[in-house]
Amino acid sequence: MSLLPPLDAGDCEASRWRIVTARDSNDSFVYAVRSTRIYCRPSCPSRLARRANVEFYDDAIRAEAAGYRPCKRCKPQLKSKDDPRLRAVERACKDISNAVLCGRRLKFQQLASDMKLSPGHLHRSFKKITGLTPVQYTKLIQRQNEAKSSYAEDQAENSPVIAVFENKDGMSCEFDFNNTSMYEHIDWDLIDWNAFDNLMESDFSSEVCDTVQKRA
């Protein structure tokens, strides 16, 4: 399983390619070579393929589902031995993500101390396994959190603002105030805005309702 959150394709692949070229003992993903249809661990000792022929997968299951065979040298389909560095980095990633989402400042020295590791050791392990420094990882989580918040705000602003009115004949009429194309034919200058509550009581309101119902 990848320790990194969902990234933009370019950011994710660039980070993973750096790990592969460094032959880091990182088992958080696998890479596959299109020309040979074989997938490997990032630390595989086999000759490095051309970047254009390489693609990445979060795990062996996804690589095999895409039609790739496991490398016979590094055996990426087998689980690696339990690595305490991996456990430490997993915890660091979770703690950093939670701190960002809660708006809390996390001190890296305290984080390392809680794991009974030196800041330098945790920093090196973090970069080796994720391909990012803790600061880069924190900024990544912040950008993604801001993007999600911005998207939610845009959705709220662009959501329909609908009012339903009923005239004296019991006919209902819906107005979406964000969709002006619905009532472009209406001459708004004829409306008495101070008596808007009585709009549906007028002959004009009946015409509008008939038009809206025909277009529905």
Foldseek 3Di string as FASTA:
>chain_A
DALADDDDPVVQLVLLVVLLVVLFQALQWWKAFQVVLEIEGSNFPPDDDDPVRMDIGRAPVVSVVVPGHYDPRHRRNDDDPDDVLVVLLSVLSVVLLVCLVVVHDDDLCVSCVVVVHGSVVNQVSNCSHNSDGSVVSSVRSNVVVVVVVVVVVVCVVQPWDKDWDAEPVRQIAIDGPNDCVLPPVDDVVPDDVVVVNCVRDDPVVVVSSVSNVVVD
